[in-house]
Amino acid sequence: MIISYWMSGVNNNFWIFIASTLCSLLSVLAGESIGLLVGAAVFDVEKGMVLMTVVSLGLMVVGGFFVRQIPFWILWLGYLSPFKYSYNASVQLVFNMPVPCDGSGILSACENADSGTASVQDVLEFLGVQFSTGFNVGMLLVLFVIVRILAFLALKHKKAVERAS
């Protein structure tokens, strides 16, 4: 994070870097919670590894960074993805000021202009960012806590089954 953030040169504010790093850390902790839940719920190690691979890749795909057009029947899964909330919060933190136009025509607000700027709202809309930064961070915390509680309950149930047999 230290190398890639500063190499990108998008926002050279140290406090934005710290906040973005904390969003990434929260995403890691929420993803770790999902891994703990799968590990506690699945009895077979090989099946657990396969399931965790499918779950993590699935959550990555519906997180909004890699795929924009998600089928409507699987769209709800994105709200369980820590990648979605981390991406949204980090983008809002980093793009907190107008972005200079570069003539590439990627941002519709620039209209192939070599000068001028695209507003923060135009950039966030182009990147498909949803919800506020606070809401996204809050959802990462909720995922972290709730999924860990579910993992604890799964482990407790697993241990009760072992004791009974």
N, C-alpha and C. Protein backbone atom coordinates (compact mmCIF):
# COMPACT_ATOMS: atom_id res chain seq x y z
N MET A 1 0.83 -1.19 0.00
CA MET A 1 0.00 0.00 0.00
C MET A 1 0.88 1.26 0.00
N ILE A 2 1.95 1.20 0.75
CA ILE A 2 2.84 2.37 0.83
C ILE A 2 3.41 2.70 -0.55
N ILE A 3 3.84 1.70 -1.28
CA ILE A 3 4.44 1.94 -2.59
C ILE A 3 3.38 2.30 -3.62
N SER A 4 2.33 1.50 -3.74
CA SER A 4 1.35 1.71 -4.82
C SER A 4 0.56 3.00 -4.65
N TYR A 5 0.21 3.37 -3.42
CA TYR A 5 -0.56 4.59 -3.22
C TYR A 5 0.23 5.81 -3.67
N TRP A 6 1.46 5.92 -3.24
CA TRP A 6 2.25 7.11 -3.58
C TRP A 6 2.69 7.10 -5.03
N MET A 7 2.86 5.92 -5.63
CA MET A 7 3.22 5.87 -7.06
C MET A 7 2.07 6.33 -7.94
N SER A 8 0.84 6.09 -7.51
CA SER A 8 -0.31 6.50 -8.33
C SER A 8 -0.41 8.00 -8.44
N GLY A 9 -0.03 8.73 -7.41
CA GLY A 9 -0.02 10.20 -7.47
C GLY A 9 -1.39 10.82 -7.58
N VAL A 10 -2.44 10.10 -7.22
CA VAL A 10 -3.80 10.63 -7.37
C VAL A 10 -4.09 11.68 -6.31
N ASN A 11 -3.78 11.37 -5.07
CA ASN A 11 -4.03 12.31 -3.98
C ASN A 11 -2.87 12.19 -3.00
N ASN A 12 -2.03 13.20 -2.94
CA ASN A 12 -0.82 13.14 -2.12
C ASN A 12 -1.02 13.66 -0.70
N ASN A 13 -2.21 13.46 -0.16
CA ASN A 13 -2.51 13.86 1.20
C ASN A 13 -2.23 12.67 2.13
N PHE A 14 -1.38 12.89 3.13
CA PHE A 14 -0.99 11.80 4.03
C PHE A 14 -2.19 11.23 4.78
N TRP A 15 -3.12 12.08 5.21
CA TRP A 15 -4.27 11.60 5.99
C TRP A 15 -5.24 10.80 5.14
N ILE A 16 -5.34 11.14 3.86
CA ILE A 16 -6.16 10.34 2.94
C ILE A 16 -5.50 8.97 2.76
N PHE A 17 -4.18 8.95 2.68
CA PHE A 17 -3.45 7.68 2.60
C PHE A 17 -3.74 6.81 3.83
N ILE A 18 -3.67 7.40 5.02
CA ILE A 18 -3.94 6.65 6.25
C ILE A 18 -5.37 6.13 6.25
N ALA A 19 -6.34 6.96 5.89
CA ALA A 19 -7.74 6.54 5.87
C ALA A 19 -7.97 5.44 4.84
N SER A 20 -7.36 5.56 3.69
CA SER A 20 -7.49 4.54 2.64
C SER A 20 -6.86 3.22 3.08
N THR A 21 -5.73 3.31 3.76
CA THR A 21 -5.08 2.11 4.29
C THR A 21 -5.95 1.44 5.34
N LEU A 22 -6.59 2.23 6.19
CA LEU A 22 -7.50 1.67 7.20
C LEU A 22 -8.71 1.01 6.55
N CYS A 23 -9.20 1.58 5.45
CA CYS A 23 -10.31 0.93 4.71
C CYS A 23 -9.86 -0.43 4.18
N SER A 24 -8.65 -0.48 3.65
CA SER A 24 -8.12 -1.75 3.16
C SER A 24 -7.96 -2.75 4.30
N LEU A 25 -7.49 -2.29 5.44
CA LEU A 25 -7.33 -3.17 6.60
C LEU A 25 -8.69 -3.70 7.07
N LEU A 26 -9.70 -2.84 7.10
CA LEU A 26 -11.05 -3.30 7.47
C LEU A 26 -11.57 -4.33 6.48
N SER A 27 -11.26 -4.14 5.21
CA SER A 27 -11.68 -5.11 4.19
C SER A 27 -11.00 -6.45 4.43
N VAL A 28 -9.73 -6.43 4.77
CA VAL A 28 -9.00 -7.66 5.06
C VAL A 28 -9.60 -8.36 6.28
N LEU A 29 -9.92 -7.59 7.31
CA LEU A 29 -10.50 -8.18 8.51
C LEU A 29 -11.88 -8.78 8.23
N ALA A 30 -12.68 -8.10 7.42
CA ALA A 30 -14.00 -8.63 7.06
C ALA A 30 -13.85 -9.89 6.21
N GLY A 31 -12.90 -9.90 5.29
CA GLY A 31 -12.65 -11.10 4.48
C GLY A 31 -12.13 -12.24 5.33
N GLU A 32 -11.30 -11.92 6.31
CA GLU A 32 -10.81 -12.94 7.23
C GLU A 32 -11.97 -13.56 8.02
N SER A 33 -12.94 -12.73 8.38
CA SER A 33 -14.11 -13.23 9.09
C SER A 33 -14.88 -14.23 8.23
N ILE A 34 -15.00 -13.93 6.94
CA ILE A 34 -15.69 -14.86 6.03
C ILE A 34 -14.91 -16.17 5.95
N GLY A 35 -13.60 -16.08 5.90
CA GLY A 35 -12.78 -17.29 5.89
C GLY A 35 -12.93 -18.10 7.17
N LEU A 36 -13.01 -17.43 8.31
CA LEU A 36 -13.24 -18.12 9.57
C LEU A 36 -14.59 -18.82 9.59
N LEU A 37 -15.61 -18.16 9.05
CA LEU A 37 -16.94 -18.76 9.00
C LEU A 37 -16.94 -20.01 8.14
N VAL A 38 -16.35 -19.94 6.97
CA VAL A 38 -16.31 -21.11 6.10
C VAL A 38 -15.49 -22.22 6.76
N GLY A 39 -14.37 -21.87 7.36
CA GLY A 39 -13.54 -22.86 8.03
C GLY A 39 -14.25 -23.53 9.19
N ALA A 40 -15.06 -22.78 9.91
CA ALA A 40 -15.77 -23.34 11.06
C ALA A 40 -17.01 -24.13 10.63
N ALA A 41 -17.57 -23.81 9.49
CA ALA A 41 -18.82 -24.44 9.06
C ALA A 41 -18.61 -25.72 8.25
N VAL A 42 -17.46 -25.84 7.60
CA VAL A 42 -17.21 -26.99 6.73
C VAL A 42 -16.27 -27.97 7.45
N PHE A 43 -16.67 -29.22 7.49
CA PHE A 43 -15.91 -30.22 8.23
C PHE A 43 -14.68 -30.72 7.48
N ASP A 44 -14.75 -30.77 6.16
CA ASP A 44 -13.65 -31.31 5.34
C ASP A 44 -12.76 -30.16 4.85
N VAL A 45 -11.45 -30.32 5.02
CA VAL A 45 -10.50 -29.27 4.65
C VAL A 45 -10.52 -29.00 3.15
N GLU A 46 -10.52 -30.04 2.34
CA GLU A 46 -10.51 -29.85 0.88
C GLU A 46 -11.78 -29.16 0.41
N LYS A 47 -12.92 -29.59 0.93
CA LYS A 47 -14.19 -28.93 0.56
C LYS A 47 -14.20 -27.48 1.03
N GLY A 48 -13.64 -27.23 2.20
CA GLY A 48 -13.56 -25.86 2.71
C GLY A 48 -12.71 -24.96 1.84
N MET A 49 -11.59 -25.50 1.35
CA MET A 49 -10.72 -24.71 0.47
C MET A 49 -11.40 -24.39 -0.85
N VAL A 50 -12.11 -25.37 -1.40
CA VAL A 50 -12.83 -25.14 -2.65
C VAL A 50 -13.94 -24.11 -2.44
N LEU A 51 -14.70 -24.29 -1.37
CA LEU A 51 -15.80 -23.36 -1.08
C LEU A 51 -15.27 -21.95 -0.85
N MET A 52 -14.19 -21.81 -0.12
CA MET A 52 -13.63 -20.49 0.15
C MET A 52 -13.12 -19.83 -1.13
N THR A 53 -12.56 -20.61 -2.04
CA THR A 53 -12.11 -20.06 -3.32
C THR A 53 -13.30 -19.52 -4.11
N VAL A 54 -14.36 -20.30 -4.16
CA VAL A 54 -15.57 -19.88 -4.89
C VAL A 54 -16.18 -18.65 -4.23
N VAL A 55 -16.28 -18.65 -2.90
CA VAL A 55 -16.88 -17.52 -2.18
C VAL A 55 -16.05 -16.26 -2.38
N SER A 56 -14.74 -16.36 -2.20
CA SER A 56 -13.91 -15.15 -2.32
C SER A 56 -13.90 -14.60 -3.75
N LEU A 57 -13.81 -15.46 -4.73
CA LEU A 57 -13.84 -14.98 -6.12
C LEU A 57 -15.21 -14.41 -6.46
N GLY A 58 -16.26 -15.05 -5.98
CA GLY A 58 -17.61 -14.54 -6.22
C GLY A 58 -17.81 -13.17 -5.61
N LEU A 59 -17.36 -12.99 -4.38
CA LEU A 59 -17.50 -11.68 -3.73
C LEU A 59 -16.63 -10.63 -4.40
N MET A 60 -15.49 -11.05 -4.94
CA MET A 60 -14.63 -10.12 -5.66
C MET A 60 -15.31 -9.64 -6.95
N VAL A 61 -15.94 -10.56 -7.64
CA VAL A 61 -16.60 -10.21 -8.91
C VAL A 61 -17.76 -9.26 -8.69
N VAL A 62 -18.59 -9.53 -7.68
CA VAL A 62 -19.76 -8.68 -7.45
C VAL A 62 -19.42 -7.43 -6.64
N GLY A 63 -18.15 -7.26 -6.27
CA GLY A 63 -17.74 -6.10 -5.50
C GLY A 63 -17.77 -4.80 -6.26
N GLY A 64 -17.85 -4.82 -7.57
CA GLY A 64 -17.99 -3.60 -8.36
C GLY A 64 -16.72 -3.08 -9.00
N PHE A 65 -15.58 -3.64 -8.65
CA PHE A 65 -14.34 -3.13 -9.21
C PHE A 65 -14.01 -3.78 -10.54
N PHE A 66 -14.21 -5.09 -10.66
CA PHE A 66 -13.84 -5.81 -11.86
C PHE A 66 -14.95 -5.87 -12.90
N VAL A 67 -16.20 -5.96 -12.46
CA VAL A 67 -17.33 -6.13 -13.37
C VAL A 67 -18.35 -5.03 -13.09
N ARG A 68 -18.79 -4.35 -14.13
CA ARG A 68 -19.78 -3.27 -13.97
C ARG A 68 -21.21 -3.78 -14.18
N GLN A 69 -21.40 -4.63 -15.17
CA GLN A 69 -22.74 -5.11 -15.52
C GLN A 69 -22.98 -6.47 -14.88
N ILE A 70 -23.54 -6.47 -13.67
CA ILE A 70 -23.82 -7.70 -12.95
C ILE A 70 -25.27 -8.09 -13.19
N PRO A 71 -25.55 -9.35 -13.50
CA PRO A 71 -26.94 -9.77 -13.71
C PRO A 71 -27.80 -9.48 -12.48
N PHE A 72 -29.06 -9.09 -12.70
CA PHE A 72 -29.93 -8.66 -11.61
C PHE A 72 -30.16 -9.75 -10.57
N TRP A 73 -30.13 -11.01 -10.99
CA TRP A 73 -30.42 -12.10 -10.05
C TRP A 73 -29.28 -12.36 -9.07
N ILE A 74 -28.11 -11.81 -9.33
CA ILE A 74 -26.97 -12.00 -8.43
C ILE A 74 -26.51 -10.67 -7.82
N LEU A 75 -27.19 -9.59 -8.16
CA LEU A 75 -26.82 -8.25 -7.71
C LEU A 75 -26.82 -8.13 -6.18
N TRP A 76 -27.74 -8.81 -5.52
CA TRP A 76 -27.84 -8.74 -4.06
C TRP A 76 -26.57 -9.24 -3.36
N LEU A 77 -25.84 -10.12 -4.01
CA LEU A 77 -24.64 -10.69 -3.41
C LEU A 77 -23.56 -9.62 -3.19
N GLY A 78 -23.61 -8.57 -3.98
CA GLY A 78 -22.65 -7.48 -3.83
C GLY A 78 -22.73 -6.80 -2.47
N TYR A 79 -23.90 -6.84 -1.85
CA TYR A 79 -24.07 -6.20 -0.54
C TYR A 79 -23.45 -7.02 0.59
N LEU A 80 -22.98 -8.22 0.28
CA LEU A 80 -22.26 -9.04 1.25
C LEU A 80 -20.76 -8.98 1.04
N SER A 81 -20.33 -8.24 0.04
CA SER A 81 -18.93 -8.21 -0.35
C SER A 81 -18.16 -7.10 0.36
N PRO A 82 -17.13 -7.46 1.12
CA PRO A 82 -16.30 -6.41 1.72
C PRO A 82 -15.53 -5.61 0.67
N PHE A 83 -15.30 -6.22 -0.48
CA PHE A 83 -14.60 -5.52 -1.57
C PHE A 83 -15.40 -4.31 -2.04
N LYS A 84 -16.72 -4.45 -2.10
CA LYS A 84 -17.60 -3.37 -2.55
C LYS A 84 -17.48 -2.17 -1.62
N TYR A 85 -17.59 -2.40 -0.33
CA TYR A 85 -17.57 -1.30 0.62
C TYR A 85 -16.19 -0.66 0.73
N SER A 86 -15.16 -1.46 0.67
CA SER A 86 -13.80 -0.92 0.72
C SER A 86 -13.50 -0.08 -0.52
N TYR A 87 -13.89 -0.59 -1.66
CA TYR A 87 -13.68 0.13 -2.92
C TYR A 87 -14.41 1.47 -2.90
N ASN A 88 -15.69 1.44 -2.52
CA ASN A 88 -16.49 2.67 -2.49
C ASN A 88 -15.90 3.70 -1.53
N ALA A 89 -15.53 3.28 -0.33
CA ALA A 89 -14.98 4.21 0.65
C ALA A 89 -13.64 4.76 0.19
N SER A 90 -12.78 3.90 -0.32
CA SER A 90 -11.46 4.35 -0.75
C SER A 90 -11.54 5.32 -1.93
N VAL A 91 -12.41 5.05 -2.87
CA VAL A 91 -12.56 5.95 -4.03
C VAL A 91 -13.07 7.31 -3.57
N GLN A 92 -14.02 7.32 -2.65
CA GLN A 92 -14.53 8.60 -2.16
C GLN A 92 -13.46 9.38 -1.40
N LEU A 93 -12.62 8.67 -0.68
CA LEU A 93 -11.54 9.34 0.04
C LEU A 93 -10.51 9.93 -0.92
N VAL A 94 -10.10 9.14 -1.89
CA VAL A 94 -9.02 9.55 -2.80
C VAL A 94 -9.47 10.65 -3.76
N PHE A 95 -10.66 10.53 -4.31
CA PHE A 95 -11.15 11.53 -5.28
C PHE A 95 -12.01 12.55 -4.55
N ASN A 96 -11.41 13.35 -3.70
CA ASN A 96 -12.14 14.35 -2.94
C ASN A 96 -11.97 15.76 -3.49
N MET A 97 -11.36 15.86 -4.66
CA MET A 97 -11.20 17.17 -5.33
C MET A 97 -11.32 16.95 -6.84
N PRO A 98 -11.62 18.01 -7.60
CA PRO A 98 -11.79 17.85 -9.05
C PRO A 98 -10.57 17.21 -9.72
N VAL A 99 -10.84 16.40 -10.74
CA VAL A 99 -9.79 15.67 -11.46
C VAL A 99 -9.47 16.40 -12.76
N PRO A 100 -8.20 16.67 -13.05
CA PRO A 100 -7.85 17.35 -14.30
C PRO A 100 -8.16 16.47 -15.52
N CYS A 101 -8.66 17.10 -16.55
CA CYS A 101 -8.92 16.39 -17.81
C CYS A 101 -7.60 16.18 -18.55
N ASP A 102 -7.50 15.03 -19.22
CA ASP A 102 -6.25 14.72 -19.91
C ASP A 102 -6.42 14.51 -21.41
N GLY A 103 -7.63 14.71 -21.92
CA GLY A 103 -7.85 14.56 -23.35
C GLY A 103 -8.12 13.14 -23.79
N SER A 104 -8.17 12.19 -22.86
CA SER A 104 -8.40 10.79 -23.24
C SER A 104 -9.85 10.51 -23.59
N GLY A 105 -10.77 11.33 -23.11
CA GLY A 105 -12.18 11.12 -23.42
C GLY A 105 -12.85 10.06 -22.55
N ILE A 106 -12.16 9.55 -21.56
CA ILE A 106 -12.74 8.52 -20.70
C ILE A 106 -13.85 9.10 -19.85
N LEU A 107 -13.60 10.24 -19.23
CA LEU A 107 -14.64 10.89 -18.43
C LEU A 107 -15.52 11.72 -19.35
N SER A 108 -16.81 11.47 -19.30
CA SER A 108 -17.73 12.21 -20.18
C SER A 108 -17.78 13.69 -19.82
N ALA A 109 -17.47 14.05 -18.58
CA ALA A 109 -17.48 15.45 -18.17
C ALA A 109 -16.39 16.25 -18.85
N CYS A 110 -15.33 15.59 -19.29
CA CYS A 110 -14.22 16.29 -19.93
C CYS A 110 -14.44 16.50 -21.43
N GLU A 111 -15.21 15.65 -22.08
CA GLU A 111 -15.50 15.75 -23.51
C GLU A 111 -14.24 15.93 -24.36
N ASN A 112 -13.26 15.06 -24.17
CA ASN A 112 -12.00 15.06 -24.93
C ASN A 112 -11.19 16.34 -24.79
N ALA A 113 -11.43 17.10 -23.73
CA ALA A 113 -10.68 18.35 -23.53
C ALA A 113 -9.34 18.05 -22.87
N ASP A 114 -8.33 18.83 -23.27
CA ASP A 114 -7.01 18.69 -22.66
C ASP A 114 -6.87 19.55 -21.41
N SER A 115 -7.82 20.43 -21.21
CA SER A 115 -7.75 21.31 -20.03
C SER A 115 -9.09 21.28 -19.32
N GLY A 116 -9.11 21.84 -18.13
CA GLY A 116 -10.32 21.85 -17.32
C GLY A 116 -10.30 20.69 -16.34
N THR A 117 -11.39 20.57 -15.61
CA THR A 117 -11.47 19.52 -14.60
C THR A 117 -12.84 18.85 -14.62
N ALA A 118 -12.88 17.64 -14.13
CA ALA A 118 -14.14 16.91 -13.92
C ALA A 118 -14.47 17.02 -12.44
N SER A 119 -15.72 17.28 -12.14
CA SER A 119 -16.11 17.45 -10.75
C SER A 119 -16.03 16.12 -9.99
N VAL A 120 -15.97 16.22 -8.69
CA VAL A 120 -15.90 15.04 -7.83
C VAL A 120 -17.12 14.16 -8.08
N GLN A 121 -18.29 14.78 -8.18
CA GLN A 121 -19.52 14.01 -8.39
C GLN A 121 -19.50 13.26 -9.73
N ASP A 122 -18.98 13.90 -10.78
CA ASP A 122 -18.87 13.23 -12.09
C ASP A 122 -17.94 12.01 -12.02
N VAL A 123 -16.83 12.17 -11.30
CA VAL A 123 -15.87 11.06 -11.18
C VAL A 123 -16.49 9.91 -10.40
N LEU A 124 -17.14 10.23 -9.28
CA LEU A 124 -17.77 9.18 -8.46
C LEU A 124 -18.89 8.47 -9.21
N GLU A 125 -19.64 9.24 -9.99
CA GLU A 125 -20.71 8.64 -10.80
C GLU A 125 -20.13 7.74 -11.88
N PHE A 126 -19.05 8.18 -12.52
CA PHE A 126 -18.39 7.38 -13.55
C PHE A 126 -17.86 6.07 -12.99
N LEU A 127 -17.33 6.11 -11.76
CA LEU A 127 -16.77 4.92 -11.13
C LEU A 127 -17.82 4.06 -10.44
N GLY A 128 -19.07 4.50 -10.42
CA GLY A 128 -20.16 3.70 -9.86
C GLY A 128 -20.13 3.59 -8.34
N VAL A 129 -19.68 4.63 -7.67
CA VAL A 129 -19.58 4.61 -6.22
C VAL A 129 -20.96 4.79 -5.60
N GLN A 130 -21.23 3.98 -4.57
CA GLN A 130 -22.51 4.05 -3.88
C GLN A 130 -22.29 4.36 -2.40
N PHE A 131 -23.27 5.02 -1.80
CA PHE A 131 -23.31 5.29 -0.36
C PHE A 131 -22.20 6.26 0.06
N SER A 132 -22.27 6.69 1.30
CA SER A 132 -21.27 7.61 1.82
C SER A 132 -20.06 6.83 2.35
N THR A 133 -18.99 7.55 2.59
CA THR A 133 -17.79 6.92 3.14
C THR A 133 -18.08 6.31 4.50
N GLY A 134 -18.80 7.05 5.34
CA GLY A 134 -19.14 6.55 6.67
C GLY A 134 -19.99 5.29 6.62
N PHE A 135 -20.96 5.25 5.71
CA PHE A 135 -21.79 4.05 5.58
C PHE A 135 -20.96 2.85 5.14
N ASN A 136 -20.08 3.06 4.17
CA ASN A 136 -19.24 1.96 3.68
C ASN A 136 -18.31 1.43 4.77
N VAL A 137 -17.72 2.32 5.54
CA VAL A 137 -16.85 1.90 6.64
C VAL A 137 -17.69 1.18 7.70
N GLY A 138 -18.87 1.71 7.98
CA GLY A 138 -19.77 1.06 8.93
C GLY A 138 -20.15 -0.35 8.49
N MET A 139 -20.41 -0.54 7.21
CA MET A 139 -20.76 -1.87 6.71
C MET A 139 -19.58 -2.82 6.80
N LEU A 140 -18.38 -2.33 6.61
CA LEU A 140 -17.19 -3.17 6.80
C LEU A 140 -17.09 -3.63 8.26
N LEU A 141 -17.37 -2.72 9.17
CA LEU A 141 -17.36 -3.08 10.60
C LEU A 141 -18.47 -4.08 10.93
N VAL A 142 -19.65 -3.87 10.35
CA VAL A 142 -20.77 -4.80 10.57
C VAL A 142 -20.42 -6.18 10.03
N LEU A 143 -19.88 -6.24 8.82
CA LEU A 143 -19.47 -7.53 8.26
C LEU A 143 -18.43 -8.20 9.14
N PHE A 144 -17.47 -7.43 9.61
CA PHE A 144 -16.42 -7.96 10.46
C PHE A 144 -17.00 -8.60 11.73
N VAL A 145 -17.88 -7.89 12.40
CA VAL A 145 -18.42 -8.37 13.68
C VAL A 145 -19.44 -9.48 13.50
N ILE A 146 -20.43 -9.28 12.64
CA ILE A 146 -21.52 -10.25 12.48
C ILE A 146 -21.00 -11.58 11.96
N VAL A 147 -20.14 -11.55 10.97
CA VAL A 147 -19.63 -12.80 10.40
C VAL A 147 -18.74 -13.53 11.42
N ARG A 148 -18.01 -12.79 12.23
CA ARG A 148 -17.21 -13.44 13.29
C ARG A 148 -18.12 -14.10 14.32
N ILE A 149 -19.22 -13.47 14.65
CA ILE A 149 -20.19 -14.08 15.57
C ILE A 149 -20.76 -15.35 14.96
N LEU A 150 -21.10 -15.30 13.67
CA LEU A 150 -21.60 -16.50 12.99
C LEU A 150 -20.55 -17.60 12.97
N ALA A 151 -19.29 -17.23 12.78
CA ALA A 151 -18.20 -18.22 12.81
C ALA A 151 -18.09 -18.85 14.20
N PHE A 152 -18.22 -18.04 15.23
CA PHE A 152 -18.18 -18.56 16.59
C PHE A 152 -19.33 -19.55 16.82
N LEU A 153 -20.54 -19.17 16.37
CA LEU A 153 -21.69 -20.06 16.55
C LEU A 153 -21.51 -21.36 15.77
N ALA A 154 -20.95 -21.28 14.57
CA ALA A 154 -20.69 -22.50 13.78
C ALA A 154 -19.67 -23.38 14.48
N LEU A 155 -18.64 -22.78 15.03
CA LEU A 155 -17.62 -23.54 15.76
C LEU A 155 -18.20 -24.16 17.03
N LYS A 156 -19.05 -23.42 17.71
CA LYS A 156 -19.70 -23.92 18.92
C LYS A 156 -20.60 -25.11 18.59
N HIS A 157 -21.33 -25.01 17.48
CA HIS A 157 -22.21 -26.10 17.04
C HIS A 157 -21.38 -27.32 16.65
N LYS A 158 -20.28 -27.08 15.95
CA LYS A 158 -19.40 -28.16 15.52
C LYS A 158 -18.83 -28.91 16.74
N LYS A 159 -18.44 -28.18 17.75
CA LYS A 159 -17.88 -28.79 18.95
C LYS A 159 -18.97 -29.57 19.71
N ALA A 160 -20.19 -29.06 19.71
CA ALA A 160 -21.29 -29.78 20.37
C ALA A 160 -21.59 -31.09 19.67
N VAL A 161 -21.48 -31.12 18.35
CA VAL A 161 -21.70 -32.34 17.57
C VAL A 161 -20.59 -33.35 17.88
N GLU A 162 -19.35 -32.88 18.01
CA GLU A 162 -18.23 -33.77 18.33
C GLU A 162 -18.38 -34.37 19.73
N ARG A 163 -18.87 -33.58 20.67
CA ARG A 163 -19.05 -34.07 22.04
C ARG A 163 -20.15 -35.12 22.11
N ALA A 164 -21.19 -34.95 21.29
CA ALA A 164 -22.32 -35.87 21.32
C ALA A 164 -21.95 -37.23 20.74
N SER A 165 -20.98 -37.30 19.86
CA SER A 165 -20.63 -38.57 19.24
C SER A 165 -19.47 -39.26 19.86
